[in-house]
Amino acid sequence: PTAEEIRKGVSGIEAAKELEPLVQEARKPLYIDKFGKAIVKEVNGYKIAVNDLERPTYITIWDGEKQIGSLKTAEKAVYQLKDYQQIGNVEIAKKYQNQGLATELYKTLIKYLPENKIGIAAYSPDVVAKKAIPRIYEKLGGKLDKETGHILVKIKEKAPEKKAEPTPTAGETKSKKEYDTELSDIEQQLTDA
């Protein structure tokens, strides 16, 4: 989405739907640097690395060989928000602030969001940069959840939970004749197709 769409209130879900094909392709690093870091993005000459492509918990940004910022996810999650990846800490070295680098760290986390998470969350009263961080969340389509005090960016709808097929008990097992009939029906459908 464009900055204008974000200002007009395009939700994180709408933005993510447009980006979904790119997200699936993009779970690969651009390259592995000489120190073994998975570099996943380059922004204005800075490199962004993730510690794990499937479940990142630590995202770093580098100026050459110097780490200039990081985003850490929270180790303990608030139960009501277990479907969200919760943010623990975000830091950008003073010299590199106000360049949009923290936003890039958040975008990287969203891009590599674990499959079982539907978005990101930060506890609003814990936010040190009380103006900058809420602005970042606003750009990403975030909303304050007054019940939990967290700023939430919902990226996707929760996947429906799979229901297990009931296991037949001794009295409910199918006879050989029933299985043969089902198999015959399936074979006929395949022949007709």
C-alpha atoms as a PDB file:
ATOM      1  CA  PRO A   1       0.000   0.000   0.000  1.00  0.00           C
ATOM      2  CA  THR A   2       1.044   3.554  -0.558  1.00  0.00           C
ATOM      3  CA  ALA A   3       1.569   6.020   2.296  1.00  0.00           C
ATOM      4  CA  GLU A   4      -1.674   7.704   1.213  1.00  0.00           C
ATOM      5  CA  GLU A   5      -3.611   4.421   1.464  1.00  0.00           C
ATOM      6  CA  ILE A   6      -2.178   3.872   4.917  1.00  0.00           C
ATOM      7  CA  ARG A   7      -3.261   7.368   5.976  1.00  0.00           C
ATOM      8  CA  LYS A   8      -6.746   6.622   4.634  1.00  0.00           C
ATOM      9  CA  GLY A   9      -6.923   3.489   6.769  1.00  0.00           C
ATOM     10  CA  VAL A  10      -6.013   0.532   4.575  1.00  0.00           C
ATOM     11  CA  SER A  11      -5.897  -2.297   7.070  1.00  0.00           C
ATOM     12  CA  GLY A  12      -2.902  -4.494   7.590  1.00  0.00           C
ATOM     13  CA  ILE A  13      -4.986  -7.417   6.311  1.00  0.00           C
ATOM     14  CA  GLU A  14      -5.781  -5.665   3.018  1.00  0.00           C
ATOM     15  CA  ALA A  15      -2.139  -4.749   2.553  1.00  0.00           C
ATOM     16  CA  ALA A  16      -1.008  -8.290   3.381  1.00  0.00           C
ATOM     17  CA  LYS A  17      -3.422  -9.869   0.886  1.00  0.00           C
ATOM     18  CA  GLU A  18      -1.783  -7.883  -1.891  1.00  0.00           C
ATOM     19  CA  LEU A  19       1.662  -8.930  -0.686  1.00  0.00           C
ATOM     20  CA  GLU A  20       0.915 -12.619   0.064  1.00  0.00           C
ATOM     21  CA  PRO A  21       2.458 -14.040  -3.152  1.00  0.00           C
ATOM     22  CA  LEU A  22       5.605 -12.011  -2.524  1.00  0.00           C
ATOM     23  CA  VAL A  23       5.762 -13.084   1.117  1.00  0.00           C
ATOM     24  CA  GLN A  24       5.732 -16.784   0.238  1.00  0.00           C
ATOM     25  CA  GLU A  25       8.523 -16.342  -2.326  1.00  0.00           C
ATOM     26  CA  ALA A  26      10.482 -14.045  -0.051  1.00  0.00           C
ATOM     27  CA  ARG A  27      11.204 -16.457   2.818  1.00  0.00           C
ATOM     28  CA  LYS A  28      14.612 -16.985   1.241  1.00  0.00           C
ATOM     29  CA  PRO A  29      17.587 -14.805   2.160  1.00  0.00           C
ATOM     30  CA  LEU A  30      19.166 -12.560  -0.453  1.00  0.00           C
ATOM     31  CA  TYR A  31      22.473 -14.118   0.577  1.00  0.00           C
ATOM     32  CA  ILE A  32      24.488 -15.387   3.527  1.00  0.00           C
ATOM     33  CA  ASP A  33      27.252 -12.930   4.387  1.00  0.00           C
ATOM     34  CA  LYS A  34      30.821 -13.867   5.316  1.00  0.00           C
ATOM     35  CA  PHE A  35      29.824 -14.002   8.994  1.00  0.00           C
ATOM     36  CA  GLY A  36      26.997 -16.473   8.344  1.00  0.00           C
ATOM     37  CA  LYS A  37      24.144 -13.973   8.734  1.00  0.00           C
ATOM     38  CA  ALA A  38      21.058 -14.503   6.561  1.00  0.00           C
ATOM     39  CA  ILE A  39      20.731 -11.120   4.838  1.00  0.00           C
ATOM     40  CA  VAL A  40      17.105 -10.761   3.789  1.00  0.00           C
ATOM     41  CA  LYS A  41      16.909  -7.127   2.749  1.00  0.00           C
ATOM     42  CA  GLU A  42      19.042  -4.138   1.815  1.00  0.00           C
ATOM     43  CA  VAL A  43      17.754  -0.624   2.450  1.00  0.00           C
ATOM     44  CA  ASN A  44      19.726   2.515   1.561  1.00  0.00           C
ATOM     45  CA  GLY A  45      22.991   0.582   1.799  1.00  0.00           C
ATOM     46  CA  TYR A  46      22.113  -1.032   5.150  1.00  0.00           C
ATOM     47  CA  LYS A  47      21.698  -4.816   5.478  1.00  0.00           C
ATOM     48  CA  ILE A  48      18.931  -6.495   7.472  1.00  0.00           C
ATOM     49  CA  ALA A  49      19.454 -10.018   8.825  1.00  0.00           C
ATOM     50  CA  VAL A  50      17.171 -12.492  10.601  1.00  0.00           C
ATOM     51  CA  ASN A  51      18.266 -15.233  12.973  1.00  0.00           C
ATOM     52  CA  ASP A  52      15.666 -17.709  11.652  1.00  0.00           C
ATOM     53  CA  LEU A  53      13.764 -17.563   8.357  1.00  0.00           C
ATOM     54  CA  GLU A  54      10.727 -19.449   9.695  1.00  0.00           C
ATOM     55  CA  ARG A  55      10.476 -18.095  13.259  1.00  0.00           C
ATOM     56  CA  PRO A  56      12.600 -14.975  13.634  1.00  0.00           C
ATOM     57  CA  THR A  57      13.147 -13.759  17.183  1.00  0.00           C
ATOM     58  CA  TYR A  58      16.050 -11.411  16.502  1.00  0.00           C
ATOM     59  CA  ILE A  59      16.335  -9.094  13.510  1.00  0.00           C
ATOM     60  CA  THR A  60      19.383  -6.899  13.085  1.00  0.00           C
ATOM     61  CA  ILE A  61      20.363  -4.030  10.808  1.00  0.00           C
ATOM     62  CA  TRP A  62      23.961  -3.424   9.775  1.00  0.00           C
ATOM     63  CA  ASP A  63      26.035  -0.590   8.382  1.00  0.00           C
ATOM     64  CA  GLY A  64      28.887  -2.580   6.841  1.00  0.00           C
ATOM     65  CA  GLU A  65      30.148  -4.777   9.678  1.00  0.00           C
ATOM     66  CA  LYS A  66      28.656  -2.587  12.450  1.00  0.00           C
ATOM     67  CA  GLN A  67      25.301  -3.526  13.976  1.00  0.00           C
ATOM     68  CA  ILE A  68      23.248  -0.331  14.219  1.00  0.00           C
ATOM     69  CA  GLY A  69      19.900  -1.655  15.374  1.00  0.00           C
ATOM     70  CA  SER A  70      17.800  -4.635  16.337  1.00  0.00           C
ATOM     71  CA  LEU A  71      14.305  -5.918  16.985  1.00  0.00           C
ATOM     72  CA  LYS A  72      13.773  -8.684  19.533  1.00  0.00           C
ATOM     73  CA  THR A  73      10.503 -10.499  20.009  1.00  0.00           C
ATOM     74  CA  ALA A  74       9.104 -11.002  23.507  1.00  0.00           C
ATOM     75  CA  GLU A  75      10.012 -14.259  25.215  1.00  0.00           C
ATOM     76  CA  LYS A  76       6.798 -14.402  27.238  1.00  0.00           C
ATOM     77  CA  ALA A  77       3.543 -13.748  25.420  1.00  0.00           C
ATOM     78  CA  VAL A  78       0.366 -12.318  26.903  1.00  0.00           C
ATOM     79  CA  TYR A  79      -2.108 -15.203  26.689  1.00  0.00           C
ATOM     80  CA  GLN A  80      -4.934 -13.139  25.124  1.00  0.00           C
ATOM     81  CA  LEU A  81      -2.540 -12.251  22.304  1.00  0.00           C
ATOM     82  CA  LYS A  82      -0.965 -15.651  21.715  1.00  0.00           C
ATOM     83  CA  ASP A  83      -1.870 -15.397  18.008  1.00  0.00           C
ATOM     84  CA  TYR A  84       0.294 -12.260  17.688  1.00  0.00           C
ATOM     85  CA  GLN A  85       4.085 -12.059  17.567  1.00  0.00           C
ATOM     86  CA  GLN A  86       4.829  -9.777  20.481  1.00  0.00           C
ATOM     87  CA  ILE A  87       7.649  -7.274  20.307  1.00  0.00           C
ATOM     88  CA  GLY A  88      10.145  -7.202  23.153  1.00  0.00           C
ATOM     89  CA  ASN A  89      12.613  -4.493  22.220  1.00  0.00           C
ATOM     90  CA  VAL A  90      13.526  -2.305  19.235  1.00  0.00           C
ATOM     91  CA  GLU A  91      16.693  -0.217  19.174  1.00  0.00           C
ATOM     92  CA  ILE A  92      18.350   1.971  16.567  1.00  0.00           C
ATOM     93  CA  ALA A  93      21.674   3.704  17.313  1.00  0.00           C
ATOM     94  CA  LYS A  94      21.117   7.441  17.827  1.00  0.00           C
ATOM     95  CA  LYS A  95      23.179   8.427  14.772  1.00  0.00           C
ATOM     96  CA  TYR A  96      20.882   6.300  12.544  1.00  0.00           C
ATOM     97  CA  GLN A  97      17.493   7.314  13.950  1.00  0.00           C
ATOM     98  CA  ASN A  98      14.777   9.114  11.943  1.00  0.00           C
ATOM     99  CA  GLN A  99      15.710   7.318   8.713  1.00  0.00           C
ATOM    100  CA  GLY A 100      12.860   4.783   8.772  1.00  0.00           C
ATOM    101  CA  LEU A 101      15.151   1.950   9.859  1.00  0.00           C
ATOM    102  CA  ALA A 102      12.960   0.819  12.784  1.00  0.00           C
ATOM    103  CA  THR A 103      10.017   0.645  10.363  1.00  0.00           C
ATOM    104  CA  GLU A 104      12.141  -1.595   8.130  1.00  0.00           C
ATOM    105  CA  LEU A 105      12.802  -3.923  11.068  1.00  0.00           C
ATOM    106  CA  TYR A 106       9.048  -4.186  11.725  1.00  0.00           C
ATOM    107  CA  LYS A 107       8.337  -4.797   8.030  1.00  0.00           C
ATOM    108  CA  THR A 108      10.951  -7.541   8.005  1.00  0.00           C
ATOM    109  CA  LEU A 109       9.333  -9.230  11.018  1.00  0.00           C
ATOM    110  CA  ILE A 110       5.960  -9.040   9.283  1.00  0.00           C
ATOM    111  CA  LYS A 111       7.426 -10.517   6.104  1.00  0.00           C
ATOM    112  CA  TYR A 112       8.885 -13.459   8.065  1.00  0.00           C
ATOM    113  CA  LEU A 113       5.971 -13.786  10.497  1.00  0.00           C
ATOM    114  CA  PRO A 114       5.589 -17.397  11.668  1.00  0.00           C
ATOM    115  CA  GLU A 115       2.634 -19.177  10.050  1.00  0.00           C
ATOM    116  CA  ASN A 116       0.848 -19.533  13.408  1.00  0.00           C
ATOM    117  CA  LYS A 117       0.832 -15.766  14.037  1.00  0.00           C
ATOM    118  CA  ILE A 118      -1.725 -13.344  12.599  1.00  0.00           C
ATOM    119  CA  GLY A 119       0.094 -10.100  13.337  1.00  0.00           C
ATOM    120  CA  ILE A 120       2.422  -8.204  15.660  1.00  0.00           C
ATOM    121  CA  ALA A 121       1.797  -6.535  19.007  1.00  0.00           C
ATOM    122  CA  ALA A 122       3.599  -4.166  21.379  1.00  0.00           C
ATOM    123  CA  TYR A 123       2.513  -3.188  24.869  1.00  0.00           C
ATOM    124  CA  SER A 124       1.736   0.501  24.584  1.00  0.00           C
ATOM    125  CA  PRO A 125       2.786   1.653  28.099  1.00  0.00           C
ATOM    126  CA  ASP A 126       6.166  -0.084  27.592  1.00  0.00           C
ATOM    127  CA  VAL A 127       6.902   1.870  24.438  1.00  0.00           C
ATOM    128  CA  VAL A 128       9.959   4.017  25.199  1.00  0.00           C
ATOM    129  CA  ALA A 129       9.717   6.136  22.054  1.00  0.00           C
ATOM    130  CA  LYS A 130       6.157   7.200  22.847  1.00  0.00           C
ATOM    131  CA  LYS A 131       5.741   9.120  19.566  1.00  0.00           C
ATOM    132  CA  ALA A 132       7.886   7.267  17.028  1.00  0.00           C
ATOM    133  CA  ILE A 133       6.735   3.700  17.714  1.00  0.00           C
ATOM    134  CA  PRO A 134       2.974   4.433  17.625  1.00  0.00           C
ATOM    135  CA  ARG A 135       3.587   6.259  14.298  1.00  0.00           C
ATOM    136  CA  ILE A 136       5.275   3.144  12.933  1.00  0.00           C
ATOM    137  CA  TYR A 137       2.352   0.986  14.010  1.00  0.00           C
ATOM    138  CA  GLU A 138      -0.055   3.488  12.468  1.00  0.00           C
ATOM    139  CA  LYS A 139       1.847   3.293   9.150  1.00  0.00           C
ATOM    140  CA  LEU A 140       1.508  -0.481   9.312  1.00  0.00           C
ATOM    141  CA  GLY A 141      -2.257  -0.303   9.948  1.00  0.00           C
ATOM    142  CA  GLY A 142      -2.045  -0.829  13.727  1.00  0.00           C
ATOM    143  CA  LYS A 143      -4.788  -0.157  16.234  1.00  0.00           C
ATOM    144  CA  LEU A 144      -4.769   0.171  20.027  1.00  0.00           C
ATOM    145  CA  ASP A 145      -6.539  -2.723  21.782  1.00  0.00           C
ATOM    146  CA  LYS A 146      -7.913  -0.950  24.857  1.00  0.00           C
ATOM    147  CA  GLU A 147      -8.641  -4.243  26.623  1.00  0.00           C
ATOM    148  CA  THR A 148      -5.019  -5.410  26.635  1.00  0.00           C
ATOM    149  CA  GLY A 149      -3.213  -2.070  26.203  1.00  0.00           C
ATOM    150  CA  HIS A 150      -1.348  -3.403  23.163  1.00  0.00           C
ATOM    151  CA  ILE A 151      -0.938  -1.821  19.751  1.00  0.00           C
ATOM    152  CA  LEU A 152      -1.878  -4.539  17.252  1.00  0.00           C
ATOM    153  CA  VAL A 153      -1.119  -4.899  13.558  1.00  0.00           C
ATOM    154  CA  LYS A 154      -3.297  -7.693  12.204  1.00  0.00           C
ATOM    155  CA  ILE A 155      -1.801  -9.089   9.003  1.00  0.00           C
ATOM    156  CA  LYS A 156      -3.999 -12.093   8.282  1.00  0.00           C
ATOM    157  CA  GLU A 157      -7.139 -13.771   9.470  1.00  0.00           C
ATOM    158  CA  LYS A 158      -6.695 -16.667  11.832  1.00  0.00           C
ATOM    159  CA  ALA A 159      -6.545 -19.949   9.961  1.00  0.00           C
ATOM    160  CA  PRO A 160      -9.451 -22.214  10.818  1.00  0.00           C
ATOM    161  CA  GLU A 161      -8.518 -24.948  13.228  1.00  0.00           C
ATOM    162  CA  LYS A 162      -8.554 -28.397  11.730  1.00  0.00           C
ATOM    163  CA  LYS A 163     -11.018 -30.766  13.347  1.00  0.00           C
ATOM    164  CA  ALA A 164      -9.795 -34.279  13.832  1.00  0.00           C
ATOM    165  CA  GLU A 165     -11.845 -36.989  12.190  1.00  0.00           C
ATOM    166  CA  PRO A 166     -13.467 -39.184  14.808  1.00  0.00           C
ATOM    167  CA  THR A 167     -11.780 -42.558  15.149  1.00  0.00           C
ATOM    168  CA  PRO A 168     -14.291 -45.352  14.777  1.00  0.00           C
ATOM    169  CA  THR A 169     -14.811 -47.486  17.848  1.00  0.00           C
ATOM    170  CA  ALA A 170     -15.056 -51.260  17.729  1.00  0.00           C
ATOM    171  CA  GLY A 171     -18.778 -51.214  16.972  1.00  0.00           C
ATOM    172  CA  GLU A 172     -18.433 -48.515  14.272  1.00  0.00           C
ATOM    173  CA  THR A 173     -15.776 -50.009  12.014  1.00  0.00           C
ATOM    174  CA  LYS A 174     -16.690 -50.397   8.366  1.00  0.00           C
ATOM    175  CA  SER A 175     -17.067 -53.790   6.874  1.00  0.00           C
ATOM    176  CA  LYS A 176     -14.933 -54.980   3.948  1.00  0.00           C
ATOM    177  CA  LYS A 177     -18.016 -54.695   1.752  1.00  0.00           C
ATOM    178  CA  GLU A 178     -18.476 -50.981   2.694  1.00  0.00           C
ATOM    179  CA  TYR A 179     -14.813 -50.239   1.894  1.00  0.00           C
ATOM    180  CA  ASP A 180     -15.067 -52.128  -1.409  1.00  0.00           C
ATOM    181  CA  THR A 181     -18.213 -50.141  -2.320  1.00  0.00           C
ATOM    182  CA  GLU A 182     -16.495 -46.802  -1.509  1.00  0.00           C
ATOM    183  CA  LEU A 183     -13.420 -47.820  -3.511  1.00  0.00           C
ATOM    184  CA  SER A 184     -15.605 -48.825  -6.445  1.00  0.00           C
ATOM    185  CA  ASP A 185     -17.423 -45.454  -6.327  1.00  0.00           C
ATOM    186  CA  ILE A 186     -14.116 -43.560  -6.315  1.00  0.00           C
ATOM    187  CA  GLU A 187     -12.764 -45.626  -9.208  1.00  0.00           C
ATOM    188  CA  GLN A 188     -15.960 -44.916 -11.184  1.00  0.00           C
ATOM    189  CA  GLN A 189     -15.634 -41.171 -10.538  1.00  0.00           C
ATOM    190  CA  LEU A 190     -12.050 -41.257 -11.793  1.00  0.00           C
ATOM    191  CA  THR A 191     -13.076 -43.202 -14.898  1.00  0.00           C
ATOM    192  CA  ASP A 192     -15.890 -40.714 -15.640  1.00  0.00           C
ATOM    193  CA  ALA A 193     -13.566 -37.729 -15.258  1.00  0.00           C
END
